[in-house]
Amino acid sequence: MNKEEKNILVNIINDEIVKLTTKIAELKEFTAPVSPDNSIGRISRMDAINNKSIYDASLRNTQNRLSQLNEILKLKDDDAFGVCMKCHQPIPFERLKLRPEIRLCATCLNKR
């Protein structure tokens, strides 16, 4: 990976971190406990609880991806940046642009 590609990836990662941080703040509003004293019907309360579990899962996934992006950003100056952890071959740049936190090439990922 050349320096220009590395800079593009770092910018993509930083942009994603900003987006995910904003999304986490929004999701936290929707994951507040559903109060039993709300004067909503039984069905509406069940829907609210179900929606909360969906938002909880989305929040966990978003926090996990944010954590992965922060970890990969720490490796930006390392020789392992953009290289498959298993076969040590460069991960295609187009793949990294889509999922910069990925640590395995498509071949090694399919072997898992």
C-alpha atoms as a PDB file:
ATOM      1  CA  MET A   1       0.000   0.000   0.000  1.00  0.00           C
ATOM      2  CA  ASN A   2       1.408   3.355  -0.956  1.00  0.00           C
ATOM      3  CA  LYS A   3       1.301   6.502   1.158  1.00  0.00           C
ATOM      4  CA  GLU A   4      -1.609   8.054  -0.768  1.00  0.00           C
ATOM      5  CA  GLU A   5      -3.772   4.949  -0.296  1.00  0.00           C
ATOM      6  CA  LYS A   6      -2.873   4.858   3.388  1.00  0.00           C
ATOM      7  CA  ASN A   7      -3.919   8.519   3.779  1.00  0.00           C
ATOM      8  CA  ILE A   8      -7.215   7.805   2.008  1.00  0.00           C
ATOM      9  CA  LEU A   9      -7.885   4.895   4.379  1.00  0.00           C
ATOM     10  CA  VAL A  10      -7.026   6.948   7.458  1.00  0.00           C
ATOM     11  CA  ASN A  11      -9.477   9.636   6.289  1.00  0.00           C
ATOM     12  CA  ILE A  12     -12.166   7.002   5.685  1.00  0.00           C
ATOM     13  CA  ILE A  13     -11.562   5.560   9.157  1.00  0.00           C
ATOM     14  CA  ASN A  14     -11.746   8.994  10.802  1.00  0.00           C
ATOM     15  CA  ASP A  15     -14.984   9.795   8.947  1.00  0.00           C
ATOM     16  CA  GLU A  16     -16.485   6.463  10.019  1.00  0.00           C
ATOM     17  CA  ILE A  17     -15.471   7.079  13.632  1.00  0.00           C
ATOM     18  CA  VAL A  18     -17.300  10.425  13.601  1.00  0.00           C
ATOM     19  CA  LYS A  19     -20.416   8.853  12.039  1.00  0.00           C
ATOM     20  CA  LEU A  20     -20.437   5.929  14.466  1.00  0.00           C
ATOM     21  CA  THR A  21     -19.941   8.189  17.482  1.00  0.00           C
ATOM     22  CA  THR A  22     -22.971  10.219  16.409  1.00  0.00           C
ATOM     23  CA  LYS A  23     -24.991   7.065  15.782  1.00  0.00           C
ATOM     24  CA  ILE A  24     -24.103   5.696  19.231  1.00  0.00           C
ATOM     25  CA  ALA A  25     -25.331   8.891  20.874  1.00  0.00           C
ATOM     26  CA  GLU A  26     -28.628   8.600  18.975  1.00  0.00           C
ATOM     27  CA  LEU A  27     -29.034   4.905  19.793  1.00  0.00           C
ATOM     28  CA  LYS A  28     -28.449   5.521  23.493  1.00  0.00           C
ATOM     29  CA  GLU A  29     -31.586   7.661  23.525  1.00  0.00           C
ATOM     30  CA  PHE A  30     -33.625   4.730  22.167  1.00  0.00           C
ATOM     31  CA  THR A  31     -32.150   2.151  24.550  1.00  0.00           C
ATOM     32  CA  ALA A  32     -33.408   3.734  27.746  1.00  0.00           C
ATOM     33  CA  PRO A  33     -35.496   1.351  29.859  1.00  0.00           C
ATOM     34  CA  VAL A  34     -39.192   1.222  29.066  1.00  0.00           C
ATOM     35  CA  SER A  35     -40.913   2.564  32.138  1.00  0.00           C
ATOM     36  CA  PRO A  36     -43.762   0.383  33.443  1.00  0.00           C
ATOM     37  CA  ASP A  37     -45.671   3.417  34.641  1.00  0.00           C
ATOM     38  CA  ASN A  38     -46.113   4.800  31.112  1.00  0.00           C
ATOM     39  CA  SER A  39     -49.797   5.008  30.276  1.00  0.00           C
ATOM     40  CA  ILE A  40     -49.498   3.101  27.029  1.00  0.00           C
ATOM     41  CA  GLY A  41     -51.462   0.011  26.153  1.00  0.00           C
ATOM     42  CA  ARG A  42     -50.164  -3.501  26.773  1.00  0.00           C
ATOM     43  CA  ILE A  43     -49.467  -4.132  23.078  1.00  0.00           C
ATOM     44  CA  SER A  44     -47.746  -0.760  22.661  1.00  0.00           C
ATOM     45  CA  ARG A  45     -45.582  -1.521  25.697  1.00  0.00           C
ATOM     46  CA  MET A  46     -44.627  -4.906  24.229  1.00  0.00           C
ATOM     47  CA  ASP A  47     -43.709  -3.183  20.959  1.00  0.00           C
ATOM     48  CA  ALA A  48     -41.624  -0.646  22.854  1.00  0.00           C
ATOM     49  CA  ILE A  49     -39.761  -3.450  24.671  1.00  0.00           C
ATOM     50  CA  ASN A  50     -39.195  -5.303  21.394  1.00  0.00           C
ATOM     51  CA  ASN A  51     -37.910  -2.140  19.699  1.00  0.00           C
ATOM     52  CA  LYS A  52     -35.597  -1.524  22.638  1.00  0.00           C
ATOM     53  CA  SER A  53     -33.993  -4.953  22.181  1.00  0.00           C
ATOM     54  CA  ILE A  54     -33.425  -4.192  18.497  1.00  0.00           C
ATOM     55  CA  TYR A  55     -31.822  -0.845  19.376  1.00  0.00           C
ATOM     56  CA  ASP A  56     -29.697  -2.569  22.049  1.00  0.00           C
ATOM     57  CA  ALA A  57     -28.330  -5.006  19.455  1.00  0.00           C
ATOM     58  CA  SER A  58     -27.671  -2.190  17.016  1.00  0.00           C
ATOM     59  CA  LEU A  59     -25.882  -0.222  19.735  1.00  0.00           C
ATOM     60  CA  ARG A  60     -23.645  -3.207  20.598  1.00  0.00           C
ATOM     61  CA  ASN A  61     -22.768  -3.768  16.926  1.00  0.00           C
ATOM     62  CA  THR A  62     -22.007  -0.086  16.393  1.00  0.00           C
ATOM     63  CA  GLN A  63     -19.848   0.086  19.531  1.00  0.00           C
ATOM     64  CA  ASN A  64     -17.994  -3.048  18.406  1.00  0.00           C
ATOM     65  CA  ARG A  65     -17.275  -1.582  14.966  1.00  0.00           C
ATOM     66  CA  LEU A  66     -16.139   1.700  16.541  1.00  0.00           C
ATOM     67  CA  SER A  67     -13.758  -0.230  18.770  1.00  0.00           C
ATOM     68  CA  GLN A  68     -12.366  -2.127  15.760  1.00  0.00           C
ATOM     69  CA  LEU A  69     -11.843   1.102  13.825  1.00  0.00           C
ATOM     70  CA  ASN A  70     -10.034   2.694  16.763  1.00  0.00           C
ATOM     71  CA  GLU A  71      -7.788  -0.363  17.063  1.00  0.00           C
ATOM     72  CA  ILE A  72      -6.935  -0.431  13.356  1.00  0.00           C
ATOM     73  CA  LEU A  73      -6.238   3.311  13.434  1.00  0.00           C
ATOM     74  CA  LYS A  74      -3.528   2.628  16.013  1.00  0.00           C
ATOM     75  CA  LEU A  75      -1.820   0.393  13.423  1.00  0.00           C
ATOM     76  CA  LYS A  76      -1.758   3.035  10.678  1.00  0.00           C
ATOM     77  CA  ASP A  77       2.011   3.495  10.983  1.00  0.00           C
ATOM     78  CA  ASP A  78       2.679  -0.218  11.354  1.00  0.00           C
ATOM     79  CA  ASP A  79       3.732  -2.497   8.493  1.00  0.00           C
ATOM     80  CA  ALA A  80       0.737  -4.742   9.346  1.00  0.00           C
ATOM     81  CA  PHE A  81      -1.717  -2.034   8.274  1.00  0.00           C
ATOM     82  CA  GLY A  82      -3.653  -3.371   5.279  1.00  0.00           C
ATOM     83  CA  VAL A  83      -2.020  -6.794   5.469  1.00  0.00           C
ATOM     84  CA  CYS A  84      -3.846 -10.060   6.163  1.00  0.00           C
ATOM     85  CA  MET A  85      -3.091 -11.364   9.669  1.00  0.00           C
ATOM     86  CA  LYS A  86      -3.101 -14.963   8.488  1.00  0.00           C
ATOM     87  CA  CYS A  87      -1.353 -15.135   5.099  1.00  0.00           C
ATOM     88  CA  HIS A  88       0.506 -11.786   5.399  1.00  0.00           C
ATOM     89  CA  GLN A  89      -0.538 -10.734   1.894  1.00  0.00           C
ATOM     90  CA  PRO A  90      -1.821  -7.218   1.177  1.00  0.00           C
ATOM     91  CA  ILE A  91      -5.595  -6.872   1.443  1.00  0.00           C
ATOM     92  CA  PRO A  92      -6.983  -5.278  -1.747  1.00  0.00           C
ATOM     93  CA  PHE A  93      -7.400  -1.528  -1.381  1.00  0.00           C
ATOM     94  CA  GLU A  94     -11.012  -1.583  -2.621  1.00  0.00           C
ATOM     95  CA  ARG A  95     -11.903  -4.089   0.127  1.00  0.00           C
ATOM     96  CA  LEU A  96     -10.231  -1.902   2.746  1.00  0.00           C
ATOM     97  CA  LYS A  97     -12.147   1.139   1.541  1.00  0.00           C
ATOM     98  CA  LEU A  98     -15.410  -0.686   2.259  1.00  0.00           C
ATOM     99  CA  ARG A  99     -14.394  -2.254   5.587  1.00  0.00           C
ATOM    100  CA  PRO A 100     -11.156  -0.638   6.782  1.00  0.00           C
ATOM    101  CA  GLU A 101     -11.282  -2.571  10.065  1.00  0.00           C
ATOM    102  CA  ILE A 102     -11.018  -5.939   8.295  1.00  0.00           C
ATOM    103  CA  ARG A 103      -7.915  -7.914   9.282  1.00  0.00           C
ATOM    104  CA  LEU A 104      -8.220 -10.909   6.915  1.00  0.00           C
ATOM    105  CA  CYS A 105      -8.185 -11.123   3.132  1.00  0.00           C
ATOM    106  CA  ALA A 106     -11.230 -12.675   1.429  1.00  0.00           C
ATOM    107  CA  THR A 107      -9.398 -15.970   0.831  1.00  0.00           C
ATOM    108  CA  CYS A 108      -8.429 -16.455   4.465  1.00  0.00           C
ATOM    109  CA  LEU A 109     -11.846 -15.308   5.649  1.00  0.00           C
ATOM    110  CA  ASN A 110     -13.540 -17.914   3.460  1.00  0.00           C
ATOM    111  CA  LYS A 111     -11.247 -20.625   4.826  1.00  0.00           C
ATOM    112  CA  ARG A 112     -12.451 -19.954   8.372  1.00  0.00           C
END
